[in-house]
Every structure is written in C-alpha cells, then in structure tokens.
Amino acid sequence: MKTETKAEVILMKCPEVQKIYGVRVEEWQGDWFRTWAFPVDVKKASHEGFDKNKIKGNLYPADEYNGCPYCKSVQFVQCSRCGKLSCWNNEERITCGWCGLTGDVSVTEDEINVKGGDY
C-alpha cells in the first residue's frame, strides 16, 4: 500500500534582497523537512495560496535542500514579533525581512508554528 506524502509550500524572505521565496516542505515521521526552495513573486504566491499554509513542528533541511535562491542560506530564523521566517547566515543580530524588527538571534529547541499572512 502506497503512503501519501504530506507536503506544503511555505514562504520565507531573504533579508539581503528583500524578496520572498517558496519552500516545499514534506512531513516525514512527524517532522517537517525542507526539500526545495524556489523564487516566487507575491502575486503567484497569493494565487497559489502559499500565504495560507500552516505547519507546526520541527523544520529540518533535507539532504537535497538547495537553500535560498538568492543568498543560498540553508538556515533560517523565526521572528518573535510576526512569526515569519527569514534567511539566516549566522549573524548575531538580524533584521526580520518581513516586519523589520531588529534583535539578537537566540537558539531554541521549541517546535515552530508557521502560518501564512500578509506579505
């Protein structure tokens, strides 16, 4: 019996170029894995409903994950204000690509809860 793969596309933003991109994520054994990233514009993302997708859990890069199509980062941070995801290149301080909040980066072991919203 074939098992269905649960997959979604979530949005991230590259603070270096201020552009959004889509990230295909798949759920494997209760965790989420980033499998592929691709450039997408706001109009297409909205038309496809990517801004409405929600995931909750751990979010790991799969071995084949290609990273941000702009800065090539495979790491991300989640903003404590807006909850959205931005690329991270090991900076100690970062400005959220979505809402502009600037702050120190802290590591957490908590699961993430990502949901779509305004661009």
N, C-alpha and C. Protein backbone atom coordinates (compact mmCIF):
# COMPACT_ATOMS: atom_id res chain seq x y z
N MET A 1 0.84 -1.18 0.00
CA MET A 1 0.00 0.00 0.00
C MET A 1 0.88 1.24 0.00
N LYS A 2 0.61 2.14 -0.90
CA LYS A 2 1.39 3.36 -1.02
C LYS A 2 0.91 4.38 0.02
N THR A 3 1.87 4.99 0.72
CA THR A 3 1.51 6.03 1.68
C THR A 3 1.63 7.39 1.01
N GLU A 4 0.71 8.26 1.34
CA GLU A 4 0.73 9.61 0.78
C GLU A 4 1.75 10.48 1.49
N THR A 5 2.42 11.29 0.71
CA THR A 5 3.35 12.26 1.27
C THR A 5 2.59 13.54 1.55
N LYS A 6 2.69 14.02 2.78
CA LYS A 6 2.08 15.29 3.11
C LYS A 6 3.10 16.38 2.82
N ALA A 7 2.73 17.29 1.91
CA ALA A 7 3.65 18.35 1.51
C ALA A 7 2.91 19.68 1.46
N GLU A 8 3.61 20.73 1.75
CA GLU A 8 3.09 22.10 1.70
C GLU A 8 4.18 22.99 1.12
N VAL A 9 3.82 24.19 0.77
CA VAL A 9 4.78 25.23 0.42
C VAL A 9 4.60 26.36 1.42
N ILE A 10 5.69 26.73 2.07
CA ILE A 10 5.66 27.86 2.98
C ILE A 10 6.53 28.97 2.38
N LEU A 11 6.35 30.16 2.89
CA LEU A 11 7.11 31.29 2.37
C LEU A 11 8.19 31.71 3.35
N MET A 12 9.33 32.07 2.80
CA MET A 12 10.42 32.67 3.56
C MET A 12 10.81 33.94 2.82
N LYS A 13 11.59 34.78 3.49
CA LYS A 13 12.04 36.02 2.85
C LYS A 13 13.53 36.18 3.07
N CYS A 14 14.21 36.59 2.02
CA CYS A 14 15.64 36.83 2.10
C CYS A 14 15.86 38.30 2.46
N PRO A 15 16.40 38.59 3.66
CA PRO A 15 16.62 39.98 4.04
C PRO A 15 17.67 40.68 3.18
N GLU A 16 18.55 39.92 2.56
CA GLU A 16 19.61 40.53 1.73
C GLU A 16 19.05 41.21 0.49
N VAL A 17 18.03 40.61 -0.12
CA VAL A 17 17.46 41.16 -1.35
C VAL A 17 15.99 41.58 -1.20
N GLN A 18 15.42 41.35 -0.01
CA GLN A 18 14.02 41.69 0.28
C GLN A 18 13.03 41.04 -0.70
N LYS A 19 13.28 39.76 -1.00
CA LYS A 19 12.39 39.00 -1.86
C LYS A 19 11.91 37.75 -1.15
N ILE A 20 10.65 37.39 -1.43
CA ILE A 20 10.11 36.15 -0.87
C ILE A 20 10.50 34.98 -1.76
N TYR A 21 10.43 33.80 -1.18
CA TYR A 21 10.60 32.58 -1.97
C TYR A 21 9.80 31.46 -1.33
N GLY A 22 9.44 30.49 -2.14
CA GLY A 22 8.68 29.34 -1.66
C GLY A 22 9.62 28.24 -1.22
N VAL A 23 9.21 27.52 -0.19
CA VAL A 23 9.97 26.37 0.29
C VAL A 23 9.00 25.19 0.38
N ARG A 24 9.27 24.17 -0.39
CA ARG A 24 8.47 22.95 -0.31
C ARG A 24 8.92 22.18 0.91
N VAL A 25 7.96 21.81 1.74
CA VAL A 25 8.25 21.04 2.95
C VAL A 25 7.43 19.76 2.92
N GLU A 26 8.02 18.68 3.41
CA GLU A 26 7.34 17.39 3.49
C GLU A 26 7.37 16.91 4.93
N GLU A 27 6.29 16.27 5.34
CA GLU A 27 6.24 15.70 6.69
C GLU A 27 6.68 14.25 6.62
N TRP A 28 7.72 13.93 7.37
CA TRP A 28 8.24 12.57 7.45
C TRP A 28 8.30 12.18 8.92
N GLN A 29 7.54 11.19 9.28
CA GLN A 29 7.53 10.64 10.65
C GLN A 29 7.37 11.72 11.72
N GLY A 30 6.44 12.65 11.46
CA GLY A 30 6.10 13.66 12.46
C GLY A 30 6.94 14.92 12.44
N ASP A 31 7.98 14.97 11.63
CA ASP A 31 8.79 16.17 11.49
C ASP A 31 8.66 16.70 10.07
N TRP A 32 8.94 17.99 9.90
CA TRP A 32 8.90 18.64 8.59
C TRP A 32 10.31 18.81 8.08
N PHE A 33 10.48 18.59 6.78
CA PHE A 33 11.79 18.73 6.13
C PHE A 33 11.65 19.64 4.92
N ARG A 34 12.58 20.60 4.82
CA ARG A 34 12.64 21.48 3.66
C ARG A 34 13.32 20.72 2.53
N THR A 35 12.62 20.56 1.41
CA THR A 35 13.16 19.75 0.32
C THR A 35 13.58 20.56 -0.90
N TRP A 36 13.02 21.76 -1.08
CA TRP A 36 13.31 22.52 -2.29
C TRP A 36 12.87 23.96 -2.08
N ALA A 37 13.70 24.92 -2.52
CA ALA A 37 13.35 26.34 -2.45
C ALA A 37 13.37 26.92 -3.86
N PHE A 38 12.46 27.86 -4.11
CA PHE A 38 12.34 28.42 -5.45
C PHE A 38 11.85 29.86 -5.38
N PRO A 39 12.30 30.70 -6.31
CA PRO A 39 11.82 32.08 -6.34
C PRO A 39 10.33 32.11 -6.67
N VAL A 40 9.63 33.03 -6.06
CA VAL A 40 8.20 33.21 -6.35
C VAL A 40 7.86 34.67 -6.08
N ASP A 41 6.99 35.22 -6.90
CA ASP A 41 6.59 36.60 -6.64
C ASP A 41 5.31 36.62 -5.80
N VAL A 42 5.01 37.78 -5.25
CA VAL A 42 3.89 37.93 -4.33
C VAL A 42 2.57 37.53 -4.99
N LYS A 43 2.36 37.94 -6.23
CA LYS A 43 1.11 37.65 -6.93
C LYS A 43 0.92 36.14 -7.10
N LYS A 44 1.95 35.45 -7.53
CA LYS A 44 1.88 33.99 -7.72
C LYS A 44 1.68 33.28 -6.38
N ALA A 45 2.41 33.73 -5.36
CA ALA A 45 2.29 33.12 -4.03
C ALA A 45 0.86 33.25 -3.50
N SER A 46 0.27 34.42 -3.70
CA SER A 46 -1.11 34.65 -3.26
C SER A 46 -2.08 33.80 -4.07
N HIS A 47 -1.91 33.76 -5.39
CA HIS A 47 -2.77 32.97 -6.26
C HIS A 47 -2.74 31.49 -5.89
N GLU A 48 -1.56 30.99 -5.56
CA GLU A 48 -1.40 29.57 -5.20
C GLU A 48 -1.82 29.29 -3.75
N GLY A 49 -2.06 30.33 -2.96
CA GLY A 49 -2.48 30.14 -1.58
C GLY A 49 -1.34 29.81 -0.62
N PHE A 50 -0.09 30.05 -1.05
CA PHE A 50 1.05 29.75 -0.19
C PHE A 50 1.01 30.53 1.11
N ASP A 51 0.38 31.70 1.08
CA ASP A 51 0.31 32.54 2.28
C ASP A 51 -0.68 31.99 3.31
N LYS A 52 -1.43 30.98 2.97
CA LYS A 52 -2.41 30.41 3.88
C LYS A 52 -1.97 29.08 4.49
N ASN A 53 -0.87 28.53 4.00
CA ASN A 53 -0.40 27.24 4.50
C ASN A 53 0.12 27.36 5.92
N LYS A 54 -0.10 26.30 6.71
CA LYS A 54 0.33 26.27 8.10
C LYS A 54 1.07 24.96 8.38
N ILE A 55 2.14 25.06 9.11
CA ILE A 55 2.82 23.85 9.59
C ILE A 55 3.22 24.07 11.05
N LYS A 56 3.33 22.98 11.77
CA LYS A 56 3.76 23.05 13.16
C LYS A 56 4.66 21.85 13.41
N GLY A 57 5.80 22.10 14.02
CA GLY A 57 6.73 21.02 14.33
C GLY A 57 8.16 21.43 14.07
N ASN A 58 9.03 20.45 14.08
CA ASN A 58 10.43 20.70 13.76
C ASN A 58 10.56 20.89 12.26
N LEU A 59 11.52 21.71 11.84
CA LEU A 59 11.68 22.02 10.42
C LEU A 59 13.16 21.90 10.07
N TYR A 60 13.51 20.77 9.48
CA TYR A 60 14.90 20.45 9.17
C TYR A 60 15.17 20.56 7.67
N PRO A 61 16.42 20.79 7.28
CA PRO A 61 16.74 20.72 5.86
C PRO A 61 16.95 19.26 5.45
N ALA A 62 16.35 18.85 4.35
CA ALA A 62 16.64 17.53 3.78
C ALA A 62 18.02 17.58 3.15
N ASP A 63 18.62 16.44 2.93
CA ASP A 63 19.96 16.39 2.34
C ASP A 63 20.03 17.13 1.01
N GLU A 64 18.96 17.07 0.23
CA GLU A 64 18.96 17.68 -1.09
C GLU A 64 18.48 19.13 -1.10
N TYR A 65 18.18 19.70 0.06
CA TYR A 65 17.65 21.06 0.13
C TYR A 65 18.66 22.06 -0.46
N ASN A 66 18.20 22.87 -1.41
CA ASN A 66 19.08 23.78 -2.15
C ASN A 66 19.25 25.15 -1.50
N GLY A 67 18.48 25.49 -0.49
CA GLY A 67 18.63 26.76 0.20
C GLY A 67 17.99 27.92 -0.54
N CYS A 68 18.14 29.10 0.05
CA CYS A 68 17.57 30.32 -0.51
C CYS A 68 18.05 30.53 -1.94
N PRO A 69 17.14 30.82 -2.87
CA PRO A 69 17.56 31.05 -4.25
C PRO A 69 18.36 32.35 -4.43
N TYR A 70 18.42 33.18 -3.41
CA TYR A 70 19.13 34.46 -3.52
C TYR A 70 20.47 34.44 -2.78
N CYS A 71 20.47 34.12 -1.48
CA CYS A 71 21.73 34.15 -0.71
C CYS A 71 22.30 32.76 -0.46
N LYS A 72 21.56 31.71 -0.83
CA LYS A 72 21.97 30.30 -0.72
C LYS A 72 21.99 29.75 0.71
N SER A 73 21.53 30.53 1.69
CA SER A 73 21.50 30.05 3.07
C SER A 73 20.54 28.87 3.20
N VAL A 74 20.92 27.88 4.00
CA VAL A 74 20.02 26.78 4.32
C VAL A 74 19.47 26.92 5.73
N GLN A 75 19.86 28.00 6.40
CA GLN A 75 19.41 28.25 7.77
C GLN A 75 18.36 29.37 7.77
N PHE A 76 17.55 29.41 8.82
CA PHE A 76 16.54 30.45 8.92
C PHE A 76 16.34 30.83 10.37
N VAL A 77 15.70 31.96 10.57
CA VAL A 77 15.25 32.39 11.89
C VAL A 77 13.77 32.71 11.80
N GLN A 78 13.10 32.57 12.95
CA GLN A 78 11.69 32.93 13.03
C GLN A 78 11.58 34.19 13.87
N CYS A 79 10.90 35.17 13.36
CA CYS A 79 10.75 36.45 14.04
C CYS A 79 9.86 36.29 15.27
N SER A 80 10.28 36.91 16.37
CA SER A 80 9.50 36.83 17.60
C SER A 80 8.26 37.74 17.55
N ARG A 81 8.24 38.69 16.62
CA ARG A 81 7.08 39.58 16.51
C ARG A 81 6.05 39.04 15.51
N CYS A 82 6.46 38.82 14.27
CA CYS A 82 5.48 38.44 13.24
C CYS A 82 5.39 36.93 13.03
N GLY A 83 6.38 36.17 13.52
CA GLY A 83 6.35 34.72 13.41
C GLY A 83 6.77 34.17 12.07
N LYS A 84 7.18 35.03 11.15
CA LYS A 84 7.57 34.57 9.81
C LYS A 84 9.05 34.21 9.77
N LEU A 85 9.43 33.54 8.70
CA LEU A 85 10.78 33.01 8.56
C LEU A 85 11.61 33.83 7.59
N SER A 86 12.86 34.07 7.95
CA SER A 86 13.83 34.77 7.11
C SER A 86 15.12 33.97 7.07
N CYS A 87 15.88 34.15 6.00
CA CYS A 87 17.20 33.52 5.91
C CYS A 87 18.07 33.97 7.07
N TRP A 88 19.01 33.12 7.43
CA TRP A 88 19.96 33.46 8.48
C TRP A 88 21.33 32.95 8.06
N ASN A 89 22.31 33.83 8.14
CA ASN A 89 23.68 33.49 7.77
C ASN A 89 24.63 33.63 8.96
N ASN A 90 24.21 33.16 10.11
CA ASN A 90 24.99 33.12 11.35
C ASN A 90 25.27 34.50 11.96
N GLU A 91 24.51 35.52 11.60
CA GLU A 91 24.67 36.83 12.23
C GLU A 91 24.20 36.75 13.68
N GLU A 92 24.81 37.55 14.55
CA GLU A 92 24.36 37.62 15.94
C GLU A 92 23.11 38.47 16.07
N ARG A 93 22.99 39.50 15.23
CA ARG A 93 21.81 40.36 15.18
C ARG A 93 21.27 40.32 13.76
N ILE A 94 19.96 40.32 13.64
CA ILE A 94 19.33 40.26 12.32
C ILE A 94 18.10 41.15 12.31
N THR A 95 17.78 41.64 11.15
CA THR A 95 16.54 42.39 10.94
C THR A 95 15.60 41.49 10.16
N CYS A 96 14.38 41.32 10.70
CA CYS A 96 13.38 40.47 10.05
C CYS A 96 13.10 41.01 8.66
N GLY A 97 13.14 40.12 7.68
CA GLY A 97 12.86 40.50 6.31
C GLY A 97 11.40 40.88 6.09
N TRP A 98 10.52 40.51 7.00
CA TRP A 98 9.09 40.75 6.85
C TRP A 98 8.64 42.04 7.55
N CYS A 99 8.92 42.14 8.86
CA CYS A 99 8.36 43.25 9.63
C CYS A 99 9.39 44.29 10.05
N GLY A 100 10.68 43.99 9.84
CA GLY A 100 11.73 44.95 10.15
C GLY A 100 12.23 44.96 11.57
N LEU A 101 11.73 44.07 12.43
CA LEU A 101 12.21 44.00 13.81
C LEU A 101 13.69 43.61 13.81
N THR A 102 14.51 44.34 14.54
CA THR A 102 15.92 44.02 14.67
C THR A 102 16.16 43.51 16.08
N GLY A 103 16.93 42.42 16.19
CA GLY A 103 17.23 41.87 17.50
C GLY A 103 18.31 40.83 17.44
N ASP A 104 18.67 40.38 18.63
CA ASP A 104 19.65 39.32 18.76
C ASP A 104 19.02 37.99 18.38
N VAL A 105 19.81 37.11 17.82
CA VAL A 105 19.35 35.78 17.46
C VAL A 105 19.57 34.87 18.65
N SER A 106 18.54 34.11 19.00
CA SER A 106 18.68 33.12 20.08
C SER A 106 18.22 31.78 19.56
N VAL A 107 18.87 30.74 20.00
CA VAL A 107 18.55 29.39 19.58
C VAL A 107 17.51 28.82 20.53
N THR A 108 16.55 28.13 19.96
CA THR A 108 15.52 27.49 20.76
C THR A 108 15.34 26.06 20.28
N GLU A 109 14.94 25.22 21.17
CA GLU A 109 14.66 23.83 20.83
C GLU A 109 13.17 23.61 20.60
N ASP A 110 12.39 24.68 20.73
CA ASP A 110 10.95 24.58 20.56
C ASP A 110 10.59 24.28 19.12
N GLU A 111 9.45 23.63 18.94
CA GLU A 111 8.92 23.44 17.60
C GLU A 111 8.48 24.80 17.08
N ILE A 112 8.48 24.94 15.77
CA ILE A 112 7.99 26.19 15.20
C ILE A 112 6.53 26.04 14.81
N ASN A 113 5.85 27.16 14.71
CA ASN A 113 4.48 27.21 14.29
C ASN A 113 4.42 28.30 13.24
N VAL A 114 4.36 27.92 11.97
CA VAL A 114 4.42 28.87 10.87
C VAL A 114 3.06 28.91 10.19
N LYS A 115 2.58 30.11 9.95
CA LYS A 115 1.34 30.27 9.20
C LYS A 115 1.50 31.42 8.24
N GLY A 116 0.76 31.38 7.17
CA GLY A 116 0.84 32.43 6.15
C GLY A 116 0.25 33.72 6.65
N GLY A 117 0.25 34.71 5.79
CA GLY A 117 -0.32 36.01 6.14
C GLY A 117 0.07 37.05 5.12
N ASP A 118 -0.02 38.30 5.53
CA ASP A 118 0.31 39.40 4.63
C ASP A 118 1.74 39.34 4.19
N TYR A 119 2.01 39.96 3.06
CA TYR A 119 3.36 39.99 2.52
C TYR A 119 4.05 41.22 3.00
